[in-house]
PDB file of N, CA and C in Angstrom:
ATOM      1  N   MET A   1      55.990-122.136  11.295  1.00  0.00           N
ATOM      2  CA  MET A   1      57.264-121.780  11.888  1.00  0.00           C
ATOM      3  C   MET A   1      58.194-123.044  11.465  1.00  0.00           C
ATOM      4  N   VAL A   2      57.663-124.253  11.637  1.00  0.00           N
ATOM      5  CA  VAL A   2      58.519-125.280  11.317  1.00  0.00           C
ATOM      6  C   VAL A   2      58.859-125.478   9.800  1.00  0.00           C
ATOM      7  N   ASP A   3      58.226-125.130   9.100  1.00  0.00           N
ATOM      8  CA  ASP A   3      58.469-124.933   7.680  1.00  0.00           C
ATOM      9  C   ASP A   3      59.666-124.417   7.102  1.00  0.00           C
ATOM     10  N   GLU A   4      59.959-123.108   8.067  1.00  0.00           N
ATOM     11  CA  GLU A   4      61.234-122.374   7.665  1.00  0.00           C
ATOM     12  C   GLU A   4      62.289-123.013   8.261  1.00  0.00           C
ATOM     13  N   LEU A   5      62.483-123.995   9.019  1.00  0.00           N
ATOM     14  CA  LEU A   5      63.365-124.722   9.444  1.00  0.00           C
ATOM     15  C   LEU A   5      64.334-125.775   8.833  1.00  0.00           C
ATOM     16  N   ASP A   6      65.403-125.874   8.636  1.00  0.00           N
ATOM     17  CA  ASP A   6      66.374-126.582   7.889  1.00  0.00           C
ATOM     18  C   ASP A   6      66.278-128.097   8.407  1.00  0.00           C
ATOM     19  N   LEU A   7      65.702-128.939   8.097  1.00  0.00           N
ATOM     20  CA  LEU A   7      65.530-130.022   8.765  1.00  0.00           C
ATOM     21  C   LEU A   7      66.398-131.141   8.072  1.00  0.00           C
ATOM     22  N   SER A   8      67.182-130.886   7.050  1.00  0.00           N
ATOM     23  CA  SER A   8      67.696-131.653   6.030  1.00  0.00           C
ATOM     24  C   SER A   8      68.576-132.959   7.019  1.00  0.00           C
ATOM     25  N   ALA A   9      69.044-132.470   8.055  1.00  0.00           N
ATOM     26  CA  ALA A   9      69.940-133.406   8.657  1.00  0.00           C
ATOM     27  C   ALA A   9      69.141-134.508   9.114  1.00  0.00           C
ATOM     28  N   PHE A  10      67.856-134.402   9.510  1.00  0.00           N
ATOM     29  CA  PHE A  10      66.859-135.297  10.038  1.00  0.00           C
ATOM     30  C   PHE A  10      66.310-136.194   8.729  1.00  0.00           C
ATOM     31  N   GLU A  11      66.271-135.467   7.861  1.00  0.00           N
ATOM     32  CA  GLU A  11      65.410-136.034   6.617  1.00  0.00           C
ATOM     33  C   GLU A  11      66.546-137.125   5.915  1.00  0.00           C
ATOM     34  N   ASN A  12      67.662-136.696   5.997  1.00  0.00           N
ATOM     35  CA  ASN A  12      68.869-137.877   5.824  1.00  0.00           C
ATOM     36  C   ASN A  12      69.204-139.211   6.892  1.00  0.00           C
ATOM     37  N   GLY A  13      68.436-139.064   7.699  1.00  0.00           N
ATOM     38  CA  GLY A  13      68.879-140.171   8.812  1.00  0.00           C
ATOM     39  C   GLY A  13      67.812-141.042   8.645  1.00  0.00           C
ATOM     40  N   HIS A  14      66.782-141.122   7.901  1.00  0.00           N
ATOM     41  CA  HIS A  14      65.783-142.196   7.245  1.00  0.00           C
ATOM     42  C   HIS A  14      66.379-143.329   6.819  1.00  0.00           C
ATOM     43  N   ARG A  15      65.725-144.401   6.936  1.00  0.00           N
ATOM     44  CA  ARG A  15      66.199-145.800   6.419  1.00  0.00           C
ATOM     45  C   ARG A  15      65.177-145.730   5.029  1.00  0.00           C
ATOM     46  N   ALA A  16      66.291-146.109   4.033  1.00  0.00           N
ATOM     47  CA  ALA A  16      65.713-146.245   2.672  1.00  0.00           C
ATOM     48  C   ALA A  16      65.587-147.597   2.314  1.00  0.00           C
ATOM     49  N   ASP A  17      65.845-148.916   3.358  1.00  0.00           N
ATOM     50  CA  ASP A  17      65.958-150.076   2.862  1.00  0.00           C
ATOM     51  C   ASP A  17      64.352-150.612   2.907  1.00  0.00           C
ATOM     52  N   GLY A  18      63.366-149.889   3.204  1.00  0.00           N
ATOM     53  CA  GLY A  18      62.155-150.387   3.090  1.00  0.00           C
ATOM     54  C   GLY A  18      61.702-151.219   4.676  1.00  0.00           C
ATOM     55  N   GLN A  19      62.619-151.239   5.606  1.00  0.00           N
ATOM     56  CA  GLN A  19      62.455-152.273   6.811  1.00  0.00           C
ATOM     57  C   GLN A  19      61.882-151.164   7.789  1.00  0.00           C
ATOM     58  N   GLY A  20      60.856-151.977   8.587  1.00  0.00           N
ATOM     59  CA  GLY A  20      60.691-150.864   9.571  1.00  0.00           C
ATOM     60  C   GLY A  20      59.263-150.422   9.316  1.00  0.00           C
ATOM     61  N   GLY A  21      58.657-149.739  10.174  1.00  0.00           N
ATOM     62  CA  GLY A  21      57.465-148.930   9.896  1.00  0.00           C
ATOM     63  C   GLY A  21      57.625-147.531   8.950  1.00  0.00           C
ATOM     64  N   ALA A  22      56.414-147.219   8.901  1.00  0.00           N
ATOM     65  CA  ALA A  22      56.456-145.777   8.013  1.00  0.00           C
ATOM     66  C   ALA A  22      57.407-144.814   8.986  1.00  0.00           C
ATOM     67  N   ALA A  23      58.023-143.864   8.523  1.00  0.00           N
ATOM     68  CA  ALA A  23      58.745-142.981   9.357  1.00  0.00           C
ATOM     69  C   ALA A  23      57.837-141.795   9.321  1.00  0.00           C
ATOM     70  N   TYR A  24      57.787-141.046  10.607  1.00  0.00           N
ATOM     71  CA  TYR A  24      57.270-139.901  10.700  1.00  0.00           C
ATOM     72  C   TYR A  24      57.871-138.650  10.221  1.00  0.00           C
ATOM     73  N   PRO A  25      57.223-137.749   9.230  1.00  0.00           N
ATOM     74  CA  PRO A  25      58.348-136.680   8.610  1.00  0.00           C
ATOM     75  C   PRO A  25      58.697-135.961   9.719  1.00  0.00           C
ATOM     76  N   PRO A  26      60.183-135.594   9.746  1.00  0.00           N
ATOM     77  CA  PRO A  26      60.933-134.807  10.828  1.00  0.00           C
ATOM     78  C   PRO A  26      60.270-133.355  11.130  1.00  0.00           C
ATOM     79  N   ALA A  27      59.326-133.059  10.149  1.00  0.00           N
ATOM     80  CA  ALA A  27      58.736-131.611  10.288  1.00  0.00           C
ATOM     81  C   ALA A  27      57.563-132.014  11.598  1.00  0.00           C
ATOM     82  N   VAL A  28      56.897-133.112  11.386  1.00  0.00           N
ATOM     83  CA  VAL A  28      55.674-133.204  12.348  1.00  0.00           C
ATOM     84  C   VAL A  28      56.148-133.761  13.670  1.00  0.00           C
ATOM     85  N   LEU A  29      57.292-134.153  13.757  1.00  0.00           N
ATOM     86  CA  LEU A  29      57.892-134.268  15.066  1.00  0.00           C
ATOM     87  C   LEU A  29      58.586-133.249  15.660  1.00  0.00           C
ATOM     88  N   THR A  30      59.054-132.466  14.999  1.00  0.00           N
ATOM     89  CA  THR A  30      59.455-131.020  15.415  1.00  0.00           C
ATOM     90  C   THR A  30      58.196-130.313  16.042  1.00  0.00           C
ATOM     91  N   ALA A  31      57.409-130.352  14.989  1.00  0.00           N
ATOM     92  CA  ALA A  31      55.986-129.273  15.441  1.00  0.00           C
ATOM     93  C   ALA A  31      55.720-129.985  16.847  1.00  0.00           C
ATOM     94  N   LEU A  32      55.394-131.515  16.841  1.00  0.00           N
ATOM     95  CA  LEU A  32      54.720-132.094  18.179  1.00  0.00           C
ATOM     96  C   LEU A  32      55.628-131.901  19.257  1.00  0.00           C
ATOM     97  N   LEU A  33      56.971-131.621  19.079  1.00  0.00           N
ATOM     98  CA  LEU A  33      57.998-131.378  20.384  1.00  0.00           C
ATOM     99  C   LEU A  33      57.749-129.945  20.728  1.00  0.00           C
ATOM    100  N   ILE A  34      57.753-128.911  19.912  1.00  0.00           N
ATOM    101  CA  ILE A  34      57.580-127.439  20.106  1.00  0.00           C
ATOM    102  C   ILE A  34      56.120-127.267  20.961  1.00  0.00           C
ATOM    103  N   TYR A  35      55.294-127.867  20.176  1.00  0.00           N
ATOM    104  CA  TYR A  35      53.834-127.699  20.674  1.00  0.00           C
ATOM    105  C   TYR A  35      53.842-128.285  22.335  1.00  0.00           C
ATOM    106  N   CYS A  36      54.325-129.429  22.195  1.00  0.00           N
ATOM    107  CA  CYS A  36      54.298-130.092  23.612  1.00  0.00           C
ATOM    108  C   CYS A  36      55.111-129.701  24.801  1.00  0.00           C
ATOM    109  N   TYR A  37      56.387-129.135  24.287  1.00  0.00           N
ATOM    110  CA  TYR A  37      57.134-128.599  25.256  1.00  0.00           C
ATOM    111  C   TYR A  37      56.667-126.881  25.609  1.00  0.00           C
ATOM    112  N   SER A  38      56.110-126.414  24.646  1.00  0.00           N
ATOM    113  CA  SER A  38      55.089-125.007  25.184  1.00  0.00           C
ATOM    114  C   SER A  38      54.058-125.355  26.355  1.00  0.00           C
ATOM    115  N   LYS A  39      53.433-126.773  26.258  1.00  0.00           N
ATOM    116  CA  LYS A  39      52.276-126.621  27.021  1.00  0.00           C
ATOM    117  C   LYS A  39      52.881-127.440  28.449  1.00  0.00           C
ATOM    118  N   GLY A  40      54.275-127.574  28.649  1.00  0.00           N
ATOM    119  CA  GLY A  40      54.820-128.148  29.561  1.00  0.00           C
ATOM    120  C   GLY A  40      55.057-129.711  29.571  1.00  0.00           C
ATOM    121  N   ILE A  41      54.539-130.331  28.599  1.00  0.00           N
ATOM    122  CA  ILE A  41      54.636-131.982  28.568  1.00  0.00           C
ATOM    123  C   ILE A  41      55.722-131.793  27.817  1.00  0.00           C
ATOM    124  N   ARG A  42      56.919-132.803  28.818  1.00  0.00           N
ATOM    125  CA  ARG A  42      58.320-133.109  28.361  1.00  0.00           C
ATOM    126  C   ARG A  42      58.635-134.585  28.519  1.00  0.00           C
ATOM    127  N   SER A  43      57.980-135.217  28.827  1.00  0.00           N
ATOM    128  CA  SER A  43      58.426-137.020  28.629  1.00  0.00           C
ATOM    129  C   SER A  43      57.533-137.409  27.344  1.00  0.00           C
ATOM    130  N   SER A  44      58.299-138.443  27.102  1.00  0.00           N
ATOM    131  CA  SER A  44      57.901-138.812  25.569  1.00  0.00           C
ATOM    132  C   SER A  44      56.780-139.561  25.945  1.00  0.00           C
ATOM    133  N   ARG A  45      56.631-140.094  27.247  1.00  0.00           N
ATOM    134  CA  ARG A  45      54.988-141.176  27.463  1.00  0.00           C
ATOM    135  C   ARG A  45      53.808-140.196  27.499  1.00  0.00           C
ATOM    136  N   GLY A  46      54.404-138.722  28.077  1.00  0.00           N
ATOM    137  CA  GLY A  46      53.320-137.877  28.188  1.00  0.00           C
ATOM    138  C   GLY A  46      52.652-137.176  26.892  1.00  0.00           C
ATOM    139  N   ILE A  47      53.964-137.286  25.954  1.00  0.00           N
ATOM    140  CA  ILE A  47      53.657-136.873  24.511  1.00  0.00           C
ATOM    141  C   ILE A  47      52.503-137.895  23.937  1.00  0.00           C
ATOM    142  N   GLU A  48      53.138-138.986  24.094  1.00  0.00           N
ATOM    143  CA  GLU A  48      52.204-140.235  23.397  1.00  0.00           C
ATOM    144  C   GLU A  48      50.935-140.194  23.817  1.00  0.00           C
ATOM    145  N   ARG A  49      50.550-140.017  25.356  1.00  0.00           N
ATOM    146  CA  ARG A  49      49.435-139.748  25.899  1.00  0.00           C
ATOM    147  C   ARG A  49      48.450-138.680  25.438  1.00  0.00           C
ATOM    148  N   ALA A  50      49.189-137.351  24.929  1.00  0.00           N
ATOM    149  CA  ALA A  50      48.613-136.361  24.565  1.00  0.00           C
ATOM    150  C   ALA A  50      48.270-136.372  22.779  1.00  0.00           C
ATOM    151  N   CYS A  51      48.981-137.080  22.324  1.00  0.00           N
ATOM    152  CA  CYS A  51      48.466-137.539  20.999  1.00  0.00           C
ATOM    153  C   CYS A  51      47.151-138.349  20.820  1.00  0.00           C
ATOM    154  N   TRP A  52      46.637-138.861  22.019  1.00  0.00           N
ATOM    155  CA  TRP A  52      45.321-139.322  22.138  1.00  0.00           C
ATOM    156  C   TRP A  52      44.406-138.255  22.786  1.00  0.00           C
ATOM    157  N   ASP A  53      44.717-137.398  23.775  1.00  0.00           N
ATOM    158  CA  ASP A  53      43.925-136.671  24.137  1.00  0.00           C
ATOM    159  C   ASP A  53      43.872-135.400  23.665  1.00  0.00           C
ATOM    160  N   ASP A  54      44.797-134.626  23.303  1.00  0.00           N
ATOM    161  CA  ASP A  54      45.141-133.266  23.021  1.00  0.00           C
ATOM    162  C   ASP A  54      44.826-132.914  21.575  1.00  0.00           C
ATOM    163  N   LEU A  55      43.671-132.073  21.245  1.00  0.00           N
ATOM    164  CA  LEU A  55      43.423-131.768  19.931  1.00  0.00           C
ATOM    165  C   LEU A  55      44.457-131.162  19.099  1.00  0.00           C
ATOM    166  N   GLY A  56      45.195-130.188  19.609  1.00  0.00           N
ATOM    167  CA  GLY A  56      46.468-129.741  18.959  1.00  0.00           C
ATOM    168  C   GLY A  56      47.450-130.800  18.449  1.00  0.00           C
ATOM    169  N   CYS A  57      47.897-131.711  19.401  1.00  0.00           N
ATOM    170  CA  CYS A  57      48.669-132.991  18.871  1.00  0.00           C
ATOM    171  C   CYS A  57      47.914-133.782  17.965  1.00  0.00           C
ATOM    172  N   ARG A  58      46.611-134.224  18.062  1.00  0.00           N
ATOM    173  CA  ARG A  58      45.933-134.844  16.910  1.00  0.00           C
ATOM    174  C   ARG A  58      46.140-134.235  15.716  1.00  0.00           C
ATOM    175  N   ILE A  59      45.782-132.925  15.479  1.00  0.00           N
ATOM    176  CA  ILE A  59      45.912-132.334  14.332  1.00  0.00           C
ATOM    177  C   ILE A  59      47.217-132.344  13.588  1.00  0.00           C
ATOM    178  N   ILE A  60      48.391-131.969  14.520  1.00  0.00           N
ATOM    179  CA  ILE A  60      49.855-132.151  14.216  1.00  0.00           C
ATOM    180  C   ILE A  60      50.078-133.538  13.554  1.00  0.00           C
ATOM    181  N   THR A  61      49.991-134.486  14.220  1.00  0.00           N
ATOM    182  CA  THR A  61      50.260-135.721  13.649  1.00  0.00           C
ATOM    183  C   THR A  61      49.019-136.534  12.880  1.00  0.00           C
ATOM    184  N   VAL A  62      48.255-135.575  12.432  1.00  0.00           N
ATOM    185  CA  VAL A  62      47.025-135.981  11.509  1.00  0.00           C
ATOM    186  C   VAL A  62      46.559-137.274  12.020  1.00  0.00           C
ATOM    187  N   ASN A  63      46.165-137.264  13.315  1.00  0.00           N
ATOM    188  CA  ASN A  63      45.473-138.457  13.993  1.00  0.00           C
ATOM    189  C   ASN A  63      46.193-139.863  13.767  1.00  0.00           C
ATOM    190  N   ARG A  64      47.476-139.801  14.020  1.00  0.00           N
ATOM    191  CA  ARG A  64      48.361-140.879  13.864  1.00  0.00           C
ATOM    192  C   ARG A  64      49.135-140.713  15.067  1.00  0.00           C
ATOM    193  N   PRO A  65      48.668-141.184  16.175  1.00  0.00           N
ATOM    194  CA  PRO A  65      49.471-141.056  17.406  1.00  0.00           C
ATOM    195  C   PRO A  65      51.123-141.552  17.342  1.00  0.00           C
ATOM    196  N   ALA A  66      51.940-140.565  17.955  1.00  0.00           N
ATOM    197  CA  ALA A  66      53.209-140.975  17.644  1.00  0.00           C
ATOM    198  C   ALA A  66      53.548-141.815  19.124  1.00  0.00           C
ATOM    199  N   ASP A  67      54.505-143.033  18.782  1.00  0.00           N
ATOM    200  CA  ASP A  67      54.790-143.803  20.087  1.00  0.00           C
ATOM    201  C   ASP A  67      55.753-143.183  20.776  1.00  0.00           C
ATOM    202  N   HIS A  68      55.959-143.376  22.112  1.00  0.00           N
ATOM    203  CA  HIS A  68      56.682-142.637  23.047  1.00  0.00           C
ATOM    204  C   HIS A  68      58.153-143.007  22.826  1.00  0.00           C
ATOM    205  N   SER A  69      58.466-144.189  22.284  1.00  0.00           N
ATOM    206  CA  SER A  69      60.010-144.505  21.831  1.00  0.00           C
ATOM    207  C   SER A  69      60.177-143.843  20.468  1.00  0.00           C
ATOM    208  N   THR A  70      59.446-143.271  19.483  1.00  0.00           N
ATOM    209  CA  THR A  70      59.764-142.543  18.430  1.00  0.00           C
ATOM    210  C   THR A  70      59.876-141.188  18.921  1.00  0.00           C
ATOM    211  N   VAL A  71      59.436-140.906  19.725  1.00  0.00           N
ATOM    212  CA  VAL A  71      59.210-139.278  20.215  1.00  0.00           C
ATOM    213  C   VAL A  71      60.551-139.329  21.145  1.00  0.00           C
ATOM    214  N   ALA A  72      61.173-140.333  21.936  1.00  0.00           N
ATOM    215  CA  ALA A  72      62.198-140.235  22.530  1.00  0.00           C
ATOM    216  C   ALA A  72      63.221-140.354  21.843  1.00  0.00           C
ATOM    217  N   ARG A  73      63.528-141.235  20.634  1.00  0.00           N
ATOM    218  CA  ARG A  73      64.611-141.336  19.846  1.00  0.00           C
ATOM    219  C   ARG A  73      64.781-140.023  18.917  1.00  0.00           C
ATOM    220  N   PHE A  74      63.538-139.322  18.660  1.00  0.00           N
ATOM    221  CA  PHE A  74      64.051-138.282  18.016  1.00  0.00           C
ATOM    222  C   PHE A  74      64.332-136.973  18.732  1.00  0.00           C
ATOM    223  N   ALA A  75      63.918-136.967  19.776  1.00  0.00           N
ATOM    224  CA  ALA A  75      64.437-135.569  20.769  1.00  0.00           C
ATOM    225  C   ALA A  75      65.873-136.058  21.135  1.00  0.00           C
ATOM    226  N   GLN A  76      66.045-137.152  21.126  1.00  0.00           N
ATOM    227  CA  GLN A  76      67.638-137.595  21.498  1.00  0.00           C
ATOM    228  C   GLN A  76      68.514-137.152  20.243  1.00  0.00           C
ATOM    229  N   ARG A  77      68.036-137.443  19.194  1.00  0.00           N
ATOM    230  CA  ARG A  77      68.748-137.231  18.098  1.00  0.00           C
ATOM    231  C   ARG A  77      69.059-135.678  17.884  1.00  0.00           C
ATOM    232  N   ALA A  78      67.635-134.977  18.063  1.00  0.00           N
ATOM    233  CA  ALA A  78      67.679-133.626  18.032  1.00  0.00           C
ATOM    234  C   ALA A  78      68.680-133.090  18.876  1.00  0.00           C
ATOM    235  N   LEU A  79      68.666-133.115  20.064  1.00  0.00           N
ATOM    236  CA  LEU A  79      69.595-132.789  21.290  1.00  0.00           C
ATOM    237  C   LEU A  79      70.861-133.125  20.831  1.00  0.00           C
ATOM    238  N   SER A  80      71.245-134.332  20.087  1.00  0.00           N
ATOM    239  CA  SER A  80      72.746-134.475  20.084  1.00  0.00           C
ATOM    240  C   SER A  80      73.351-133.810  18.568  1.00  0.00           C
ATOM    241  N   ARG A  81      72.558-133.125  18.059  1.00  0.00           N
ATOM    242  CA  ARG A  81      72.982-132.453  16.767  1.00  0.00           C
ATOM    243  C   ARG A  81      73.433-131.033  17.193  1.00  0.00           C
TER     244      ARG A  81
END
């Protein structure tokens, strides 16, 4: 489902100067939010914990747990668009 969405607004927002850590693809964070929200996990810290404990989250993130601040910033950007 996420592959069908137009995520170009998020993809254009990545830093291209090589600073900071490797960015999560917007499709991964979108899928993670949809999955966690559907399970009733709404807080960014809860989503971070689920990335360690929940098999679905681990599959979505390819075993690269998302930090709660990354999740919170992405969710904030998504809601402001």
